Amino acid sequence: AVRLSFRETWTVMVQTVQGAGKLFTSVLLQG
């Protein structure tokens, strides 16, 4: 369960960082 939780945290945090990057570039470039 701990192993799965660490994999889940990695998945969610990567998705969050990618989402933040998409938000910044989309608002800046496409409004």
All heavy atoms as atom14 arrays in JSON, in Angstrom:
{
  "sequence": "AVRLSFRETWTVMVQTVQGAGKLFTSVLLQG",
  "atom14_mask": [
    [1, 1, 1, 1, 1, 0, 0, 0, 0, 0, 0, 0, 0, 0],
    [1, 1, 1, 1, 1, 1, 1, 0, 0, 0, 0, 0, 0, 0],
    [1, 1, 1, 1, 1, 1, 1, 1, 1, 1, 1, 0, 0, 0],
    [1, 1, 1, 1, 1, 1, 1, 1, 0, 0, 0, 0, 0, 0],
    [1, 1, 1, 1, 1, 1, 0, 0, 0, 0, 0, 0, 0, 0],
    [1, 1, 1, 1, 1, 1, 1, 1, 1, 1, 1, 0, 0, 0],
    [1, 1, 1, 1, 1, 1, 1, 1, 1, 1, 1, 0, 0, 0],
    [1, 1, 1, 1, 1, 1, 1, 1, 1, 0, 0, 0, 0, 0],
    [1, 1, 1, 1, 1, 1, 1, 0, 0, 0, 0, 0, 0, 0],
    [1, 1, 1, 1, 1, 1, 1, 1, 1, 1, 1, 1, 1, 1],
    [1, 1, 1, 1, 1, 1, 1, 0, 0, 0, 0, 0, 0, 0],
    [1, 1, 1, 1, 1, 1, 1, 0, 0, 0, 0, 0, 0, 0],
    [1, 1, 1, 1, 1, 1, 1, 1, 0, 0, 0, 0, 0, 0],
    [1, 1, 1, 1, 1, 1, 1, 0, 0, 0, 0, 0, 0, 0],
    [1, 1, 1, 1, 1, 1, 1, 1, 1, 0, 0, 0, 0, 0],
    [1, 1, 1, 1, 1, 1, 1, 0, 0, 0, 0, 0, 0, 0],
    [1, 1, 1, 1, 1, 1, 1, 0, 0, 0, 0, 0, 0, 0],
    [1, 1, 1, 1, 1, 1, 1, 1, 1, 0, 0, 0, 0, 0],
    [1, 1, 1, 1, 0, 0, 0, 0, 0, 0, 0, 0, 0, 0],
    [1, 1, 1, 1, 1, 0, 0, 0, 0, 0, 0, 0, 0, 0],
    [1, 1, 1, 1, 0, 0, 0, 0, 0, 0, 0, 0, 0, 0],
    [1, 1, 1, 1, 1, 1, 1, 1, 1, 0, 0, 0, 0, 0],
    [1, 1, 1, 1, 1, 1, 1, 1, 0, 0, 0, 0, 0, 0],
    [1, 1, 1, 1, 1, 1, 1, 1, 1, 1, 1, 0, 0, 0],
    [1, 1, 1, 1, 1, 1, 1, 0, 0, 0, 0, 0, 0, 0],
    [1, 1, 1, 1, 1, 1, 0, 0, 0, 0, 0, 0, 0, 0],
    [1, 1, 1, 1, 1, 1, 1, 0, 0, 0, 0, 0, 0, 0],
    [1, 1, 1, 1, 1, 1, 1, 1, 0, 0, 0, 0, 0, 0],
    [1, 1, 1, 1, 1, 1, 1, 1, 0, 0, 0, 0, 0, 0],
    [1, 1, 1, 1, 1, 1, 1, 1, 1, 0, 0, 0, 0, 0],
    [1, 1, 1, 1, 0, 0, 0, 0, 0, 0, 0, 0, 0, 0]
  ],
  "atom14_positions": [
    [[0.83, -1.21, 0.0], [0.0, 0.0, 0.0], [0.87, 1.26, 0.0], [0.55, 2.23, -0.7], [-0.92, -0.01, 1.22], [0.0, 0.0, 0.0], [0.0, 0.0, 0.0], [0.0, 0.0, 0.0], [0.0, 0.0, 0.0], [0.0, 0.0, 0.0], [0.0, 0.0, 0.0], [0.0, 0.0, 0.0], [0.0, 0.0, 0.0], [0.0, 0.0, 0.0]],
    [[1.95, 1.24, 0.76], [2.86, 2.39, 0.78], [3.51, 2.56, -0.59], [3.66, 3.69, -1.09], [3.92, 2.23, 1.89], [5.0, 3.31, 1.77], [3.26, 2.28, 3.26], [0.0, 0.0, 0.0], [0.0, 0.0, 0.0], [0.0, 0.0, 0.0], [0.0, 0.0, 0.0], [0.0, 0.0, 0.0], [0.0, 0.0, 0.0], [0.0, 0.0, 0.0]],
    [[3.91, 1.44, -1.2], [4.51, 1.52, -2.55], [3.52, 2.14, -3.54], [3.89, 3.01, -4.33], [4.91, 0.12, -3.03], [5.63, 0.14, -4.39], [5.8, -1.26, -4.95], [4.53, -1.82, -5.41], [3.98, -1.54, -6.59], [4.55, -0.68, -7.42], [2.84, -2.11, -6.93], [0.0, 0.0, 0.0], [0.0, 0.0, 0.0], [0.0, 0.0, 0.0]],
    [[2.27, 1.7, -3.49], [1.26, 2.24, -4.39], [1.02, 3.73, -4.11], [0.79, 4.52, -5.03], [-0.04, 1.46, -4.24], [-0.07, 0.06, -4.84], [-1.37, -0.66, -4.47], [0.09, 0.11, -6.36], [0.0, 0.0, 0.0], [0.0, 0.0, 0.0], [0.0, 0.0, 0.0], [0.0, 0.0, 0.0], [0.0, 0.0, 0.0], [0.0, 0.0, 0.0]],
    [[1.07, 4.11, -2.83], [0.84, 5.52, -2.48], [1.95, 6.4, -3.03], [1.69, 7.51, -3.51], [0.71, 5.69, -0.97], [1.96, 5.54, -0.32], [0.0, 0.0, 0.0], [0.0, 0.0, 0.0], [0.0, 0.0, 0.0], [0.0, 0.0, 0.0], [0.0, 0.0, 0.0], [0.0, 0.0, 0.0], [0.0, 0.0, 0.0], [0.0, 0.0, 0.0]],
    [[3.19, 5.91, -3.0], [4.3, 6.7, -3.55], [4.17, 6.82, -5.07], [4.45, 7.88, -5.63], [5.64, 6.07, -3.17], [6.17, 6.53, -1.85], [5.84, 5.88, -0.68], [6.99, 7.65, -1.77], [6.32, 6.31, 0.55], [7.47, 8.1, -0.55], [7.14, 7.43, 0.62], [0.0, 0.0, 0.0], [0.0, 0.0, 0.0], [0.0, 0.0, 0.0]],
    [[3.74, 5.75, -5.71], [3.54, 5.84, -7.16], [2.4, 6.79, -7.49], [2.47, 7.56, -8.45], [3.24, 4.46, -7.75], [3.45, 4.41, -9.27], [2.96, 3.13, -9.86], [1.5, 3.07, -9.83], [0.81, 2.0, -10.19], [1.43, 0.91, -10.56], [-0.51, 2.02, -10.15], [0.0, 0.0, 0.0], [0.0, 0.0, 0.0], [0.0, 0.0, 0.0]],
    [[1.35, 6.76, -6.67], [0.21, 7.66, -6.86], [0.63, 9.12, -6.67], [0.22, 9.99, -7.44], [-0.91, 7.3, -5.88], [-2.2, 8.05, -6.1], [-3.04, 7.46, -7.2], [-2.61, 6.48, -7.84], [-4.14, 7.99, -7.44], [0.0, 0.0, 0.0], [0.0, 0.0, 0.0], [0.0, 0.0, 0.0], [0.0, 0.0, 0.0], [0.0, 0.0, 0.0]],
    [[1.44, 9.38, -5.65], [1.89, 10.75, -5.41], [2.7, 11.27, -6.59], [2.55, 12.42, -7.01], [2.73, 10.85, -4.13], [3.84, 9.95, -4.21], [1.91, 10.51, -2.91], [0.0, 0.0, 0.0], [0.0, 0.0, 0.0], [0.0, 0.0, 0.0], [0.0, 0.0, 0.0], [0.0, 0.0, 0.0], [0.0, 0.0, 0.0], [0.0, 0.0, 0.0]],
    [[3.55, 10.42, -7.14], [4.36, 10.82, -8.3], [3.45, 11.15, -9.48], [3.62, 12.19, -10.15], [5.35, 9.73, -8.66], [6.11, 10.01, -9.93], [5.93, 9.44, -11.16], [7.18, 10.94, -10.08], [6.81, 9.97, -12.07], [7.6, 10.89, -11.44], [7.82, 11.83, -9.22], [8.62, 11.69, -11.94], [8.85, 12.63, -9.73], [9.23, 12.55, -11.07]],
    [[2.48, 10.29, -9.75], [1.56, 10.5, -10.87], [0.8, 11.82, -10.71], [0.72, 12.62, -11.65], [0.55, 9.35, -10.98], [1.26, 8.12, -11.19], [-0.42, 9.56, -12.13], [0.0, 0.0, 0.0], [0.0, 0.0, 0.0], [0.0, 0.0, 0.0], [0.0, 0.0, 0.0], [0.0, 0.0, 0.0], [0.0, 0.0, 0.0], [0.0, 0.0, 0.0]],
    [[0.25, 12.05, -9.52], [-0.57, 13.25, -9.29], [0.29, 14.51, -9.35], [-0.11, 15.51, -9.96], [-1.29, 13.15, -7.93], [-1.99, 14.47, -7.6], [-2.29, 12.01, -7.95], [0.0, 0.0, 0.0], [0.0, 0.0, 0.0], [0.0, 0.0, 0.0], [0.0, 0.0, 0.0], [0.0, 0.0, 0.0], [0.0, 0.0, 0.0], [0.0, 0.0, 0.0]],
    [[1.48, 14.47, -8.76], [2.32, 15.66, -8.74], [2.83, 16.01, -10.13], [2.9, 17.19, -10.5], [3.47, 15.48, -7.75], [2.99, 15.4, -6.31], [4.3, 15.2, -5.07], [4.98, 16.86, -5.0], [0.0, 0.0, 0.0], [0.0, 0.0, 0.0], [0.0, 0.0, 0.0], [0.0, 0.0, 0.0], [0.0, 0.0, 0.0], [0.0, 0.0, 0.0]],
    [[3.17, 15.0, -10.93], [3.59, 15.27, -12.31], [2.45, 15.88, -13.1], [2.63, 16.85, -13.86], [4.09, 13.96, -12.99], [4.23, 14.16, -14.5], [5.42, 13.53, -12.39], [0.0, 0.0, 0.0], [0.0, 0.0, 0.0], [0.0, 0.0, 0.0], [0.0, 0.0, 0.0], [0.0, 0.0, 0.0], [0.0, 0.0, 0.0], [0.0, 0.0, 0.0]],
    [[1.24, 15.32, -12.94], [0.07, 15.87, -13.63], [-0.2, 17.31, -13.19], [-0.59, 18.15, -14.01], [-1.16, 15.0, -13.34], [-1.1, 13.61, -13.96], [-1.2, 13.65, -15.48], [-2.14, 14.18, -16.03], [-0.2, 13.11, -16.14], [0.0, 0.0, 0.0], [0.0, 0.0, 0.0], [0.0, 0.0, 0.0], [0.0, 0.0, 0.0], [0.0, 0.0, 0.0]],
    [[0.0, 17.6, -11.9], [-0.22, 18.95, -11.4], [0.76, 19.94, -12.0], [0.38, 21.03, -12.44], [-0.1, 18.98, -9.86], [-1.07, 18.1, -9.29], [-0.31, 20.38, -9.32], [0.0, 0.0, 0.0], [0.0, 0.0, 0.0], [0.0, 0.0, 0.0], [0.0, 0.0, 0.0], [0.0, 0.0, 0.0], [0.0, 0.0, 0.0], [0.0, 0.0, 0.0]],
    [[2.03, 19.56, -12.05], [3.05, 20.44, -12.62], [2.8, 20.66, -14.11], [2.9, 21.79, -14.61], [4.46, 19.86, -12.38], [5.51, 20.65, -13.14], [4.79, 19.84, -10.89], [0.0, 0.0, 0.0], [0.0, 0.0, 0.0], [0.0, 0.0, 0.0], [0.0, 0.0, 0.0], [0.0, 0.0, 0.0], [0.0, 0.0, 0.0], [0.0, 0.0, 0.0]],
    [[2.45, 19.61, -14.82], [2.13, 19.75, -16.24], [0.92, 20.65, -16.44], [0.89, 21.48, -17.35], [1.88, 18.38, -16.86], [3.14, 17.53, -16.98], [2.84, 16.13, -17.51], [1.7, 15.69, -17.56], [3.89, 15.43, -17.92], [0.0, 0.0, 0.0], [0.0, 0.0, 0.0], [0.0, 0.0, 0.0], [0.0, 0.0, 0.0], [0.0, 0.0, 0.0]],
    [[-0.09, 20.5, -15.56], [-1.27, 21.35, -15.64], [-0.95, 22.81, -15.39], [-1.48, 23.7, -16.07], [0.0, 0.0, 0.0], [0.0, 0.0, 0.0], [0.0, 0.0, 0.0], [0.0, 0.0, 0.0], [0.0, 0.0, 0.0], [0.0, 0.0, 0.0], [0.0, 0.0, 0.0], [0.0, 0.0, 0.0], [0.0, 0.0, 0.0], [0.0, 0.0, 0.0]],
    [[-0.05, 23.08, -14.42], [0.36, 24.45, -14.14], [1.08, 25.06, -15.34], [0.86, 26.23, -15.68], [1.25, 24.49, -12.9], [0.0, 0.0, 0.0], [0.0, 0.0, 0.0], [0.0, 0.0, 0.0], [0.0, 0.0, 0.0], [0.0, 0.0, 0.0], [0.0, 0.0, 0.0], [0.0, 0.0, 0.0], [0.0, 0.0, 0.0], [0.0, 0.0, 0.0]],
    [[1.91, 24.25, -15.99], [2.61, 24.73, -17.19], [1.64, 25.04, -18.32], [1.76, 26.07, -19.0], [0.0, 0.0, 0.0], [0.0, 0.0, 0.0], [0.0, 0.0, 0.0], [0.0, 0.0, 0.0], [0.0, 0.0, 0.0], [0.0, 0.0, 0.0], [0.0, 0.0, 0.0], [0.0, 0.0, 0.0], [0.0, 0.0, 0.0], [0.0, 0.0, 0.0]],
    [[0.64, 24.16, -18.51], [-0.36, 24.39, -19.55], [-1.18, 25.64, -19.26], [-1.5, 26.41, -20.16], [-1.29, 23.17, -19.66], [-0.65, 21.94, -20.27], [-1.64, 20.78, -20.3], [-0.99, 19.51, -20.85], [-1.94, 18.36, -20.81], [0.0, 0.0, 0.0], [0.0, 0.0, 0.0], [0.0, 0.0, 0.0], [0.0, 0.0, 0.0], [0.0, 0.0, 0.0]],
    [[-1.52, 25.84, -17.98], [-2.3, 27.01, -17.6], [-1.53, 28.29, -17.91], [-2.07, 29.22, -18.53], [-2.62, 26.96, -16.1], [-3.26, 28.22, -15.5], [-4.61, 28.5, -16.14], [-3.39, 28.09, -13.99], [0.0, 0.0, 0.0], [0.0, 0.0, 0.0], [0.0, 0.0, 0.0], [0.0, 0.0, 0.0], [0.0, 0.0, 0.0], [0.0, 0.0, 0.0]],
    [[-0.28, 28.34, -17.51], [0.52, 29.55, -17.7], [0.68, 29.86, -19.19], [0.47, 31.0, -19.62], [1.89, 29.37, -17.04], [2.71, 30.61, -17.0], [2.51, 31.57, -16.01], [3.68, 30.85, -17.95], [3.26, 32.73, -15.97], [4.44, 32.01, -17.94], [4.23, 32.96, -16.94], [0.0, 0.0, 0.0], [0.0, 0.0, 0.0], [0.0, 0.0, 0.0]],
    [[1.07, 28.87, -19.98], [1.31, 29.11, -21.4], [0.02, 29.4, -22.15], [-0.01, 30.24, -23.05], [2.01, 27.9, -22.04], [1.25, 26.71, -21.8], [3.41, 27.72, -21.47], [0.0, 0.0, 0.0], [0.0, 0.0, 0.0], [0.0, 0.0, 0.0], [0.0, 0.0, 0.0], [0.0, 0.0, 0.0], [0.0, 0.0, 0.0], [0.0, 0.0, 0.0]],
    [[-1.08, 28.73, -21.76], [-2.34, 28.94, -22.46], [-2.9, 30.34, -22.18], [-3.37, 31.02, -23.1], [-3.36, 27.88, -22.03], [-4.59, 28.04, -22.71], [0.0, 0.0, 0.0], [0.0, 0.0, 0.0], [0.0, 0.0, 0.0], [0.0, 0.0, 0.0], [0.0, 0.0, 0.0], [0.0, 0.0, 0.0], [0.0, 0.0, 0.0], [0.0, 0.0, 0.0]],
    [[-2.84, 30.76, -20.91], [-3.33, 32.1, -20.57], [-2.45, 33.17, -21.22], [-2.94, 34.17, -21.74], [-3.37, 32.29, -19.04], [-3.64, 33.75, -18.69], [-4.45, 31.4, -18.43], [0.0, 0.0, 0.0], [0.0, 0.0, 0.0], [0.0, 0.0, 0.0], [0.0, 0.0, 0.0], [0.0, 0.0, 0.0], [0.0, 0.0, 0.0], [0.0, 0.0, 0.0]],
    [[-1.14, 32.93, -21.21], [-0.19, 33.92, -21.75], [-0.28, 34.02, -23.27], [-0.27, 35.13, -23.84], [1.23, 33.56, -21.33], [2.33, 34.57, -21.67], [2.12, 35.87, -20.9], [3.7, 33.99, -21.35], [0.0, 0.0, 0.0], [0.0, 0.0, 0.0], [0.0, 0.0, 0.0], [0.0, 0.0, 0.0], [0.0, 0.0, 0.0], [0.0, 0.0, 0.0]],
    [[-0.36, 32.87, -23.94], [-0.29, 32.86, -25.4], [-1.66, 32.9, -26.08], [-1.8, 33.46, -27.17], [0.48, 31.62, -25.89], [1.93, 31.49, -25.38], [2.55, 30.19, -25.88], [2.76, 32.69, -25.81], [0.0, 0.0, 0.0], [0.0, 0.0, 0.0], [0.0, 0.0, 0.0], [0.0, 0.0, 0.0], [0.0, 0.0, 0.0], [0.0, 0.0, 0.0]],
    [[-2.67, 32.29, -25.44], [-3.98, 32.19, -26.08], [-5.08, 32.95, -25.34], [-6.19, 33.11, -25.86], [-4.38, 30.71, -26.2], [-3.38, 29.89, -27.01], [-3.73, 28.4, -27.0], [-4.83, 28.01, -26.62], [-2.78, 27.58, -27.42], [0.0, 0.0, 0.0], [0.0, 0.0, 0.0], [0.0, 0.0, 0.0], [0.0, 0.0, 0.0], [0.0, 0.0, 0.0]],
    [[-4.79, 33.4, -24.12], [-5.77, 34.16, -23.37], [-6.94, 33.35, -22.87], [-8.03, 33.9, -22.66], [0.0, 0.0, 0.0], [0.0, 0.0, 0.0], [0.0, 0.0, 0.0], [0.0, 0.0, 0.0], [0.0, 0.0, 0.0], [0.0, 0.0, 0.0], [0.0, 0.0, 0.0], [0.0, 0.0, 0.0], [0.0, 0.0, 0.0], [0.0, 0.0, 0.0]]
  ]
}
